[in-house]
């Protein structure tokens, strides 16, 4: 995945780098992604309405 991001951004990989994709990736649960999207949408909606989350 890291390689795909580098290609998309036009970044050349440092040949001395020993960071492997497996070191940077984690298993992602689709339900967690959907929950995070919903959380951020609600946050954006509240921000757009001038509301802030109480502390």
N, C-alpha and C. Protein backbone atom coordinates (compact mmCIF):
# COMPACT_ATOMS: atom_id res chain seq x y z
N UNK A 1 0.83 -1.19 0.00
CA UNK A 1 0.00 0.00 0.00
C UNK A 1 0.87 1.26 0.00
N UNK A 2 1.94 1.21 0.75
CA UNK A 2 2.83 2.36 0.80
C UNK A 2 3.35 2.70 -0.58
N UNK A 3 3.68 1.68 -1.35
CA UNK A 3 4.17 1.90 -2.71
C UNK A 3 3.11 2.61 -3.56
N UNK A 4 1.85 2.18 -3.43
CA UNK A 4 0.77 2.79 -4.20
C UNK A 4 0.60 4.26 -3.85
N UNK A 5 0.75 4.60 -2.58
CA UNK A 5 0.65 6.00 -2.15
C UNK A 5 1.81 6.81 -2.73
N UNK A 6 3.01 6.23 -2.68
CA UNK A 6 4.17 6.92 -3.23
C UNK A 6 4.00 7.18 -4.72
N UNK A 7 3.50 6.21 -5.45
CA UNK A 7 3.28 6.36 -6.88
C UNK A 7 2.25 7.47 -7.13
N UNK A 8 1.16 7.45 -6.37
CA UNK A 8 0.09 8.45 -6.54
C UNK A 8 0.60 9.87 -6.29
N UNK A 9 1.48 10.01 -5.29
CA UNK A 9 2.00 11.33 -4.94
C UNK A 9 3.26 11.70 -5.71
N UNK A 10 3.77 10.75 -6.52
CA UNK A 10 4.97 11.02 -7.29
C UNK A 10 6.24 11.04 -6.45
N UNK A 11 6.25 10.26 -5.39
CA UNK A 11 7.41 10.19 -4.50
C UNK A 11 8.24 8.97 -4.87
N UNK A 12 9.53 9.19 -5.04
CA UNK A 12 10.41 8.05 -5.31
C UNK A 12 10.87 7.47 -3.99
N UNK A 13 10.95 6.15 -3.95
CA UNK A 13 11.33 5.45 -2.74
C UNK A 13 12.84 5.53 -2.53
N UNK A 14 13.24 5.75 -1.31
CA UNK A 14 14.66 5.71 -0.95
C UNK A 14 15.12 4.26 -0.97
N UNK A 15 16.09 3.96 -1.77
CA UNK A 15 16.56 2.57 -1.91
C UNK A 15 17.13 2.02 -0.61
N UNK A 16 17.58 2.87 0.28
CA UNK A 16 18.13 2.42 1.55
C UNK A 16 17.05 2.18 2.60
N UNK A 17 15.82 2.54 2.27
CA UNK A 17 14.72 2.37 3.22
C UNK A 17 14.38 0.90 3.37
N UNK A 18 14.20 0.48 4.61
CA UNK A 18 13.84 -0.92 4.86
C UNK A 18 12.43 -1.05 5.41
N UNK A 19 11.63 -0.02 5.24
CA UNK A 19 10.25 -0.07 5.69
C UNK A 19 9.44 -0.87 4.69
N UNK A 20 8.84 -1.92 5.17
CA UNK A 20 8.01 -2.78 4.31
C UNK A 20 6.55 -2.41 4.48
N UNK A 21 5.76 -2.64 3.44
CA UNK A 21 4.33 -2.39 3.52
C UNK A 21 3.71 -3.11 4.70
N UNK A 22 4.14 -4.33 4.94
CA UNK A 22 3.56 -5.12 6.03
C UNK A 22 3.77 -4.46 7.38
N UNK A 23 4.84 -3.70 7.52
CA UNK A 23 5.11 -3.02 8.78
C UNK A 23 4.14 -1.86 9.02
N UNK A 24 3.60 -1.31 7.96
CA UNK A 24 2.76 -0.12 8.07
C UNK A 24 1.26 -0.40 7.98
N UNK A 25 0.91 -1.58 7.51
CA UNK A 25 -0.50 -1.89 7.33
C UNK A 25 -1.08 -2.57 8.56
N UNK A 26 -2.35 -2.41 8.71
CA UNK A 26 -3.06 -3.11 9.78
C UNK A 26 -4.38 -3.61 9.23
N UNK A 27 -4.93 -4.56 9.89
CA UNK A 27 -6.21 -5.09 9.46
C UNK A 27 -7.29 -4.07 9.79
N UNK A 28 -8.10 -3.74 8.81
CA UNK A 28 -9.14 -2.74 8.99
C UNK A 28 -10.50 -3.39 8.84
N UNK A 29 -11.33 -3.20 9.83
CA UNK A 29 -12.68 -3.73 9.82
C UNK A 29 -13.58 -2.72 9.10
N UNK A 30 -14.32 -3.15 8.08
CA UNK A 30 -15.20 -2.21 7.35
C UNK A 30 -16.20 -1.50 8.26
N UNK A 31 -16.69 -2.17 9.29
CA UNK A 31 -17.62 -1.51 10.21
C UNK A 31 -16.94 -0.37 10.97
N UNK A 32 -15.67 -0.54 11.30
CA UNK A 32 -14.93 0.52 11.97
C UNK A 32 -14.78 1.73 11.05
N UNK A 33 -14.55 1.48 9.78
CA UNK A 33 -14.41 2.57 8.81
C UNK A 33 -15.74 3.32 8.68
N UNK A 34 -16.83 2.58 8.57
CA UNK A 34 -18.15 3.23 8.45
C UNK A 34 -18.48 4.02 9.71
N UNK A 35 -18.14 3.51 10.87
CA UNK A 35 -18.38 4.22 12.12
C UNK A 35 -17.59 5.52 12.18
N UNK A 36 -16.35 5.45 11.74
CA UNK A 36 -15.51 6.65 11.75
C UNK A 36 -16.02 7.68 10.76
N UNK A 37 -16.48 7.24 9.60
CA UNK A 37 -17.07 8.17 8.62
C UNK A 37 -18.30 8.85 9.21
N UNK A 38 -19.16 8.08 9.85
CA UNK A 38 -20.37 8.65 10.47
C UNK A 38 -20.00 9.65 11.56
N UNK A 39 -18.99 9.32 12.37
CA UNK A 39 -18.55 10.21 13.44
C UNK A 39 -18.04 11.53 12.86
N UNK A 40 -17.24 11.45 11.81
CA UNK A 40 -16.69 12.66 11.21
C UNK A 40 -17.76 13.48 10.50
N UNK A 41 -18.73 12.82 9.88
CA UNK A 41 -19.83 13.55 9.25
C UNK A 41 -20.64 14.32 10.29
N UNK A 42 -20.90 13.69 11.43
CA UNK A 42 -21.64 14.35 12.50
C UNK A 42 -20.83 15.53 13.05
N UNK A 43 -19.55 15.32 13.21
CA UNK A 43 -18.67 16.40 13.69
C UNK A 43 -18.69 17.57 12.72
N UNK A 44 -18.60 17.29 11.43
CA UNK A 44 -18.62 18.35 10.42
C UNK A 44 -19.97 19.07 10.41
N UNK A 45 -21.04 18.31 10.53
CA UNK A 45 -22.37 18.90 10.56
C UNK A 45 -22.52 19.83 11.76
N UNK A 46 -22.07 19.38 12.92
CA UNK A 46 -22.15 20.21 14.12
C UNK A 46 -21.27 21.44 14.00
N UNK A 47 -20.12 21.29 13.40
CA UNK A 47 -19.22 22.43 13.21
C UNK A 47 -19.84 23.44 12.24
N UNK A 48 -20.47 22.95 11.19
CA UNK A 48 -21.10 23.84 10.20
C UNK A 48 -22.27 24.61 10.81
N UNK A 49 -22.90 24.02 11.81
CA UNK A 49 -24.03 24.68 12.48
C UNK A 49 -23.58 25.55 13.64
N UNK A 50 -22.27 25.66 13.82
CA UNK A 50 -21.76 26.52 14.88
C UNK A 50 -21.78 25.86 16.25
N UNK A 51 -22.06 24.59 16.30
CA UNK A 51 -22.10 23.89 17.58
C UNK A 51 -20.75 23.25 17.85
N UNK A 52 -20.42 23.22 19.11
CA UNK A 52 -19.20 22.52 19.51
C UNK A 52 -19.57 21.46 20.52
N UNK A 53 -18.81 20.40 20.48
CA UNK A 53 -19.02 19.31 21.43
C UNK A 53 -18.70 19.80 22.83
N UNK A 54 -19.62 19.56 23.79
CA UNK A 54 -19.34 19.99 25.16
C UNK A 54 -18.14 19.24 25.73
N UNK A 55 -17.39 19.96 26.58
CA UNK A 55 -16.20 19.34 27.18
C UNK A 55 -16.55 18.49 28.37
